[in-house]
Amino acid sequence: MTRMLASVTGVDEAEIALSGGVDIVDLKDPKAGALGAVSTQTIRRTISFIAGRAPVSAVCGDLPMEPETIRGKAEEIAATGVDYVKIGFFPSENVSACAAALEPLAARTKLIAVLFADLAPDFELLPMLAKHRFHGAMVDTAIKANGRLLDHLPPERIPGFINRAKSLGLIVGLSGSLETPDIPRLLPFAPDFLGFRGALCGNSGRVASISAEAVAQIRELVPEESRAGGPSSVDYRLLAARGYSPGTDPTLGTDKIFVRDFVLPVQIGAYSFEHGHTQKVRFDVTADVLQVTDHPEDMRHVFSYDIIMDGIRTIVARGHVQLSEALAEQVATYILENPRVVRVTVRVEKLELGPGGVGVEIERKRQTAGR
């Protein structure tokens, strides 16, 4: 289950976040940079206010990659009693030394390493972080004016990061100026948490105060775990995420969501001359999607075509595929994992084997009764 992390500046915003049902309260000063730190006094006051109702994390600030500097600040933040300490790992020759300096603290506090999608992150650092007993790793953006996470880390690269981190025993988070359309695109990759700041401030920018309305909208898009002793507060009819039944009303019918003439370079083919290089392949996909409302207003009410394109990119990035039929089946299976999709047609057409296109078109339906 993916959890929702909300970055707040102190007690007042923490109250809004808790009322909106966020899973993790993260303390950050957005006016002081990507990982701007709040004071330890603010952290202690907020922890006291939250009183165990949700885990609390706090950032250490945009610090230089100097082992003693980072260790000292992380120790200071950890001493407040937060559940997680987030530490930025900027590109530097001292990355390994910084991680090693934090290992004694990592033995008693959950440390989260923050890598930056817009600074050419090195995911080969993940084994080093696991070696030095870090609890998790996440990807954020360092320069907020330069775009969102997906502008710098394309969807096809995300599964590699998440799967590698999880195989090493690290929890995984994604953040970086995320907006509501990004949520259904990222949920299928099953990160442990998604982090938000700017999207919680409405249209006012990340340095403004968060709003209850914006928190509620994000909360409804991220499936909420049921609290002990009570049901989830989320209306699951509005979910469009993989693995969660939307409880749609079948009388509303279906919409056709399509992607046409989507051309990618693909490693494909059974012949020897088709190995070792890519060839252009065109994808045409139509998905019959259950409606959740007659009056769609925002991302809670729709199935995004980005999910289809992201799925195709992710499958293609895995490597060589022998058969067009196999590629079409993989795409259909990926799309049908979304519980709102009841039928999908996938056309895979190889464009470089002659004067015309050749390929295959398949139709697959959801088999589960009642869907």
Protein backbone atom coordinates (compact mmCIF):
# COMPACT_ATOMS: atom_id res chain seq x y z
CA MET A 1 0.00 0.00 0.00
CA THR A 2 1.37 3.39 -1.00
CA ARG A 3 1.20 6.00 1.76
CA MET A 4 0.70 9.75 1.44
CA LEU A 5 3.40 12.03 2.87
CA ALA A 6 2.56 15.70 3.36
CA SER A 7 5.28 18.28 3.95
CA VAL A 8 4.24 20.91 6.49
CA THR A 9 5.92 23.87 8.16
CA GLY A 10 4.69 23.38 11.72
CA VAL A 11 1.75 22.79 14.02
CA ASP A 12 -0.89 24.75 12.08
CA GLU A 13 -0.28 22.90 8.82
CA ALA A 14 0.17 19.59 10.64
CA GLU A 15 -3.37 20.01 11.99
CA ILE A 16 -4.72 20.43 8.45
CA ALA A 17 -2.74 17.41 7.25
CA LEU A 18 -3.94 15.20 10.08
CA SER A 19 -7.54 16.26 9.57
CA GLY A 20 -7.16 15.28 5.93
CA GLY A 21 -5.95 11.80 6.84
CA VAL A 22 -2.34 11.92 5.65
CA ASP A 23 -0.19 8.92 6.53
CA ILE A 24 3.14 10.68 7.24
CA VAL A 25 3.67 14.26 8.41
CA ASP A 26 6.94 15.67 7.08
CA LEU A 27 8.48 18.84 8.49
CA LYS A 28 10.11 21.15 5.97
CA ASP A 29 10.63 24.86 5.32
CA PRO A 30 9.88 25.32 1.58
CA LYS A 31 11.25 28.86 1.66
CA ALA A 32 14.71 27.51 2.51
CA GLY A 33 15.22 25.21 -0.46
CA ALA A 34 14.26 21.74 -1.64
CA LEU A 35 15.07 20.28 1.78
CA GLY A 36 14.85 23.42 3.89
CA ALA A 37 14.93 22.52 7.57
CA VAL A 38 12.64 23.91 10.25
CA SER A 39 13.96 24.57 13.75
CA THR A 40 14.28 21.75 16.26
CA GLN A 41 11.88 23.70 18.48
CA THR A 42 9.26 23.56 15.71
CA ILE A 43 9.86 19.86 15.29
CA ARG A 44 9.38 19.17 19.00
CA ARG A 45 6.21 21.27 19.17
CA THR A 46 4.76 19.46 16.16
CA ILE A 47 5.63 16.02 17.53
CA SER A 48 3.93 16.95 20.79
CA PHE A 49 0.83 18.14 18.92
CA ILE A 50 0.62 15.02 16.74
CA ALA A 51 1.02 12.81 19.81
CA GLY A 52 1.52 9.58 17.91
CA ARG A 53 -1.42 9.97 15.54
CA ALA A 54 0.91 9.68 12.53
CA PRO A 55 4.63 9.09 11.94
CA VAL A 56 6.72 12.26 11.67
CA SER A 57 9.70 12.90 9.43
CA ALA A 58 11.96 15.93 9.18
CA VAL A 59 14.57 17.08 6.68
CA CYS A 60 18.10 18.15 7.56
CA GLY A 61 18.38 21.03 5.08
CA ASP A 62 20.32 21.54 1.86
CA LEU A 63 23.67 20.74 3.42
CA PRO A 64 27.13 20.50 1.84
CA MET A 65 28.33 16.94 1.44
CA GLU A 66 30.72 17.08 4.40
CA PRO A 67 30.54 13.98 6.65
CA GLU A 68 30.81 15.76 9.99
CA THR A 69 28.39 18.52 9.01
CA ILE A 70 25.76 16.06 7.86
CA ARG A 71 26.27 13.71 10.79
CA GLY A 72 25.95 16.58 13.30
CA LYS A 73 22.73 17.92 11.79
CA ALA A 74 21.19 14.47 11.46
CA GLU A 75 22.00 13.75 15.11
CA GLU A 76 20.37 17.05 16.09
CA ILE A 77 17.19 16.25 14.15
CA ALA A 78 17.07 12.66 15.43
CA ALA A 79 17.30 13.89 19.03
CA THR A 80 13.88 15.56 18.66
CA GLY A 81 12.25 12.14 18.50
CA VAL A 82 11.09 12.11 14.87
CA ASP A 83 10.34 8.75 13.29
CA TYR A 84 12.35 9.45 10.12
CA VAL A 85 15.27 11.74 9.31
CA LYS A 86 15.59 12.74 5.64
CA ILE A 87 19.07 13.56 4.37
CA GLY A 88 19.85 15.00 0.94
CA PHE A 89 22.57 13.24 -1.05
CA PHE A 90 23.79 15.72 -3.63
CA PRO A 91 26.35 14.66 -6.28
CA SER A 92 29.75 14.64 -4.60
CA GLU A 93 32.91 12.61 -4.18
CA ASN A 94 32.08 12.51 -0.46
CA VAL A 95 28.82 10.58 -0.80
CA SER A 96 30.30 7.31 0.45
CA ALA A 97 32.06 9.01 3.38
CA CYS A 98 28.83 10.79 4.37
CA ALA A 99 26.86 7.54 4.36
CA ALA A 100 29.54 5.81 6.43
CA ALA A 101 29.55 8.67 8.96
CA LEU A 102 25.81 8.20 9.44
CA GLU A 103 25.91 4.44 10.06
CA PRO A 104 26.05 4.68 13.90
CA LEU A 105 22.95 6.92 13.82
CA ALA A 106 21.24 4.62 11.31
CA ALA A 107 21.52 1.81 13.84
CA ARG A 108 19.01 3.58 16.10
CA THR A 109 17.09 6.02 13.84
CA LYS A 110 15.32 5.48 10.53
CA LEU A 111 17.33 7.44 7.97
CA ILE A 112 15.95 8.21 4.50
CA ALA A 113 18.42 9.18 1.78
CA VAL A 114 17.08 11.72 -0.70
CA LEU A 115 18.42 11.57 -4.26
CA PHE A 116 17.56 14.20 -6.85
CA ALA A 117 16.06 13.38 -10.23
CA ASP A 118 17.24 16.64 -11.80
CA LEU A 119 20.87 16.13 -10.68
CA ALA A 120 21.62 12.88 -12.55
CA PRO A 121 21.03 10.55 -9.56
CA ASP A 122 23.26 7.52 -9.28
CA PHE A 123 21.06 4.57 -8.34
CA GLU A 124 24.20 2.46 -7.90
CA LEU A 125 24.40 4.17 -4.51
CA LEU A 126 21.52 2.04 -3.25
CA PRO A 127 23.68 -0.95 -2.18
CA MET A 128 25.95 1.45 -0.29
CA LEU A 129 23.00 2.95 1.55
CA ALA A 130 21.76 -0.51 2.50
CA LYS A 131 25.25 -1.47 3.66
CA HIS A 132 25.32 1.54 6.00
CA ARG A 133 21.93 0.57 7.47
CA PHE A 134 19.75 3.26 5.93
CA HIS A 135 16.03 2.61 6.28
CA GLY A 136 15.00 3.93 2.88
CA ALA A 137 15.68 6.01 -0.20
CA MET A 138 13.55 8.45 -2.15
CA VAL A 139 13.81 10.58 -5.27
CA ASP A 140 12.90 14.28 -5.18
CA THR A 141 13.77 17.32 -7.28
CA ALA A 142 16.36 19.88 -6.19
CA ILE A 143 15.34 22.86 -8.33
CA LYS A 144 11.57 23.16 -8.17
CA ALA A 145 11.36 25.71 -10.99
CA ASN A 146 12.84 23.20 -13.44
CA GLY A 147 9.94 20.78 -13.57
CA ARG A 148 8.30 17.79 -11.94
CA LEU A 149 9.75 14.41 -11.07
CA LEU A 150 8.53 12.83 -14.34
CA ASP A 151 10.20 15.58 -16.35
CA HIS A 152 13.56 14.26 -15.16
CA LEU A 153 12.91 10.62 -14.31
CA PRO A 154 10.83 9.00 -17.07
CA PRO A 155 8.32 6.32 -16.08
CA GLU A 156 10.33 3.51 -17.64
CA ARG A 157 13.23 4.19 -15.23
CA ILE A 158 11.13 4.19 -12.07
CA PRO A 159 10.57 0.41 -11.74
CA GLY A 160 14.32 -0.18 -11.85
CA PHE A 161 14.88 2.22 -8.95
CA ILE A 162 11.99 0.92 -6.87
CA ASN A 163 12.67 -2.77 -7.44
CA ARG A 164 16.39 -2.41 -6.74
CA ALA A 165 15.78 -0.49 -3.51
CA LYS A 166 13.16 -2.95 -2.27
CA SER A 167 15.41 -5.91 -3.07
CA LEU A 168 17.98 -4.34 -0.72
CA GLY A 169 15.43 -3.98 2.09
CA LEU A 170 14.96 -0.22 1.66
CA ILE A 171 11.59 1.51 1.71
CA VAL A 172 11.05 3.72 -1.33
CA GLY A 173 9.48 7.13 -1.86
CA LEU A 174 8.80 9.41 -4.82
CA SER A 175 8.39 13.16 -4.66
CA GLY A 176 9.23 16.26 -6.65
CA SER A 177 6.52 18.82 -7.46
CA LEU A 178 4.01 16.02 -7.98
CA GLU A 179 0.60 17.04 -9.29
CA THR A 180 -2.73 15.20 -9.28
CA PRO A 181 -2.29 13.69 -12.80
CA ASP A 182 1.00 12.14 -11.65
CA ILE A 183 -0.63 10.04 -8.94
CA PRO A 184 -2.41 7.40 -11.05
CA ARG A 185 0.75 7.18 -13.18
CA LEU A 186 3.00 6.47 -10.18
CA LEU A 187 0.76 4.21 -8.10
CA PRO A 188 1.19 1.18 -10.42
CA PHE A 189 4.92 1.18 -9.56
CA ALA A 190 4.01 0.57 -5.88
CA PRO A 191 6.28 3.03 -4.07
CA ASP A 192 6.00 2.91 -0.28
CA PHE A 193 5.06 6.58 -0.17
CA LEU A 194 4.40 9.59 -2.39
CA GLY A 195 5.43 13.00 -1.08
CA PHE A 196 3.58 16.27 -1.67
CA ARG A 197 4.05 19.95 -0.91
CA GLY A 198 3.13 22.27 -3.79
CA ALA A 199 0.03 20.28 -4.74
CA LEU A 200 -1.26 20.75 -1.18
CA CYS A 201 -1.13 24.53 -1.54
CA GLY A 202 -3.65 24.72 -4.36
CA ASN A 203 -2.56 27.16 -7.07
CA SER A 204 -0.63 29.39 -4.67
CA GLY A 205 2.80 27.76 -4.93
CA ARG A 206 4.76 25.59 -2.51
CA VAL A 207 5.72 28.43 -0.18
CA ALA A 208 2.07 29.25 0.55
CA SER A 209 0.09 27.48 3.26
CA ILE A 210 -1.48 24.11 2.53
CA SER A 211 -5.26 23.97 2.16
CA ALA A 212 -7.73 21.42 3.47
CA GLU A 213 -9.39 21.17 0.04
CA ALA A 214 -6.13 20.35 -1.74
CA VAL A 215 -5.16 17.82 0.93
CA ALA A 216 -8.54 16.11 0.55
CA GLN A 217 -8.20 15.86 -3.23
CA ILE A 218 -4.75 14.25 -3.00
CA ARG A 219 -5.94 11.96 -0.21
CA GLU A 220 -8.78 10.65 -2.39
CA LEU A 221 -6.33 9.81 -5.17
CA VAL A 222 -3.92 7.89 -2.93
CA PRO A 223 -5.61 4.75 -1.54
CA GLU A 224 -5.81 5.03 2.22
CA GLU A 225 -5.06 2.19 4.57
CA SER A 226 -7.87 1.41 6.97
CA ARG A 227 -7.11 2.69 10.44
CA ALA A 228 -7.16 0.24 13.29
CA GLY A 229 -10.68 0.09 14.70
CA GLY A 230 -12.36 1.87 11.81
CA PRO A 231 -12.96 1.82 8.07
CA SER A 232 -11.11 3.89 5.52
CA SER A 233 -12.50 7.36 4.90
CA VAL A 234 -11.75 7.22 1.17
CA ASP A 235 -14.54 6.80 -1.39
CA TYR A 236 -13.16 3.84 -3.32
CA ARG A 237 -15.55 4.53 -6.20
CA LEU A 238 -13.22 7.37 -7.12
CA LEU A 239 -10.01 5.34 -7.24
CA ALA A 240 -8.29 4.66 -10.52
CA ALA A 241 -5.24 2.91 -9.13
CA ARG A 242 -4.06 -0.59 -9.77
CA GLY A 243 -5.22 -3.20 -7.32
CA TYR A 244 -8.19 -1.47 -5.72
CA SER A 245 -11.80 -2.19 -6.64
CA PRO A 246 -13.51 1.06 -7.60
CA GLY A 247 -17.03 -0.19 -6.80
CA THR A 248 -18.38 1.44 -9.94
CA ASP A 249 -22.06 1.53 -10.82
CA PRO A 250 -22.46 -0.68 -13.93
CA THR A 251 -25.49 1.32 -15.04
CA LEU A 252 -23.18 4.22 -15.90
CA GLY A 253 -21.56 2.25 -18.72
CA THR A 254 -18.05 2.61 -20.06
CA ASP A 255 -15.83 5.17 -21.75
CA LYS A 256 -13.33 4.36 -24.49
CA ILE A 257 -9.87 5.69 -23.68
CA PHE A 258 -7.46 5.42 -26.58
CA VAL A 259 -3.85 5.97 -27.58
CA ARG A 260 -3.24 6.07 -31.33
CA ASP A 261 -0.12 6.14 -33.49
CA PHE A 262 2.20 5.89 -30.49
CA VAL A 263 5.60 5.05 -32.03
CA LEU A 264 8.61 3.88 -30.03
CA PRO A 265 11.97 2.27 -30.85
CA VAL A 266 11.65 -1.34 -29.69
CA GLN A 267 14.03 -4.28 -29.48
CA ILE A 268 11.79 -6.86 -31.11
CA GLY A 269 11.90 -9.81 -33.48
CA ALA A 270 12.62 -13.53 -33.74
CA TYR A 271 15.03 -13.31 -36.69
CA SER A 272 18.74 -12.95 -36.01
CA PHE A 273 18.90 -9.76 -38.11
CA GLU A 274 16.37 -8.17 -35.72
CA HIS A 275 18.60 -8.61 -32.68
CA GLY A 276 21.05 -6.02 -31.39
CA HIS A 277 19.16 -2.93 -32.49
CA THR A 278 15.75 -1.28 -32.30
CA GLN A 279 13.05 -0.81 -34.90
CA LYS A 280 10.06 1.49 -34.93
CA VAL A 281 6.86 -0.03 -33.60
CA ARG A 282 3.47 1.66 -33.60
CA PHE A 283 0.99 1.00 -30.80
CA ASP A 284 -2.76 1.59 -30.96
CA VAL A 285 -4.65 0.85 -27.76
CA THR A 286 -8.32 1.24 -26.85
CA ALA A 287 -9.50 0.53 -23.31
CA ASP A 288 -13.14 0.23 -22.22
CA VAL A 289 -13.21 1.85 -18.79
CA LEU A 290 -16.03 1.80 -16.25
CA GLN A 291 -17.40 5.23 -15.43
CA VAL A 292 -17.49 6.42 -11.83
CA THR A 293 -19.64 9.50 -12.39
CA ASP A 294 -21.72 11.23 -15.06
CA HIS A 295 -20.01 14.51 -14.18
CA PRO A 296 -16.21 14.09 -14.30
CA GLU A 297 -14.41 17.08 -12.81
CA ASP A 298 -10.85 16.07 -11.96
CA MET A 299 -8.35 13.19 -11.92
CA ARG A 300 -10.42 11.28 -9.36
CA HIS A 301 -13.04 10.64 -12.00
CA VAL A 302 -11.03 9.54 -15.02
CA PHE A 303 -8.66 6.87 -16.28
CA SER A 304 -5.60 8.64 -17.65
CA TYR A 305 -4.24 7.75 -21.08
CA ASP A 306 -0.82 8.44 -19.55
CA ILE A 307 -1.18 5.12 -17.72
CA ILE A 308 -1.35 3.34 -21.09
CA MET A 309 1.68 5.15 -22.51
CA ASP A 310 3.67 4.71 -19.29
CA GLY A 311 2.89 0.99 -19.32
CA ILE A 312 4.08 0.61 -22.91
CA ARG A 313 7.29 2.52 -22.20
CA THR A 314 7.96 0.42 -19.10
CA ILE A 315 7.44 -2.88 -20.92
CA VAL A 316 9.60 -1.82 -23.87
CA ALA A 317 12.40 -0.75 -21.53
CA ARG A 318 12.70 -4.31 -20.15
CA GLY A 319 14.63 -5.44 -23.23
CA HIS A 320 14.26 -7.61 -26.32
CA VAL A 321 10.88 -9.18 -27.10
CA GLN A 322 10.77 -12.07 -29.53
CA LEU A 323 7.20 -11.77 -30.80
CA SER A 324 4.75 -8.99 -31.53
CA GLU A 325 2.10 -11.24 -29.99
CA ALA A 326 4.04 -11.42 -26.74
CA LEU A 327 4.45 -7.64 -26.62
CA ALA A 328 0.73 -7.12 -27.24
CA GLU A 329 -0.15 -9.60 -24.50
CA GLN A 330 2.13 -7.83 -22.02
CA VAL A 331 0.56 -4.46 -22.79
CA ALA A 332 -2.98 -5.86 -22.49
CA THR A 333 -2.15 -7.55 -19.17
CA TYR A 334 -0.66 -4.34 -17.76
CA ILE A 335 -3.72 -2.27 -18.67
CA LEU A 336 -6.20 -4.87 -17.39
CA GLU A 337 -4.50 -4.75 -13.99
CA ASN A 338 -6.45 -1.54 -13.48
CA PRO A 339 -9.81 -2.73 -12.06
CA ARG A 340 -11.79 -0.14 -14.00
CA VAL A 341 -10.69 -1.53 -17.37
CA VAL A 342 -13.09 -4.24 -18.59
CA ARG A 343 -11.79 -4.72 -22.12
CA VAL A 344 -8.71 -3.66 -24.08
CA THR A 345 -7.69 -3.85 -27.72
CA VAL A 346 -3.96 -3.67 -28.47
CA ARG A 347 -2.46 -3.33 -31.95
CA VAL A 348 1.31 -3.74 -32.34
CA GLU A 349 2.66 -2.84 -35.77
CA LYS A 350 6.27 -3.16 -36.93
CA LEU A 351 7.03 -0.37 -39.38
CA GLU A 352 10.44 -1.24 -40.83
CA LEU A 353 10.06 -4.70 -42.39
CA GLY A 354 8.81 -3.60 -45.79
CA PRO A 355 6.72 -1.02 -47.62
CA GLY A 356 3.81 -1.53 -45.21
CA GLY A 357 3.23 -2.28 -41.57
CA VAL A 358 2.96 -5.80 -40.17
CA GLY A 359 1.89 -6.93 -36.76
CA VAL A 360 -0.93 -8.19 -34.60
CA GLU A 361 -4.10 -6.93 -32.96
CA ILE A 362 -5.58 -8.61 -29.90
CA GLU A 363 -8.63 -8.06 -27.71
CA ARG A 364 -8.69 -9.13 -24.08
CA LYS A 365 -11.46 -8.90 -21.47
CA ARG A 366 -11.52 -8.94 -17.71
CA GLN A 367 -12.45 -12.44 -16.56
CA THR A 368 -13.31 -11.78 -12.92
CA ALA A 369 -17.03 -12.12 -12.24
CA GLY A 370 -18.79 -8.89 -11.47
CA ARG A 371 -16.12 -6.65 -13.00
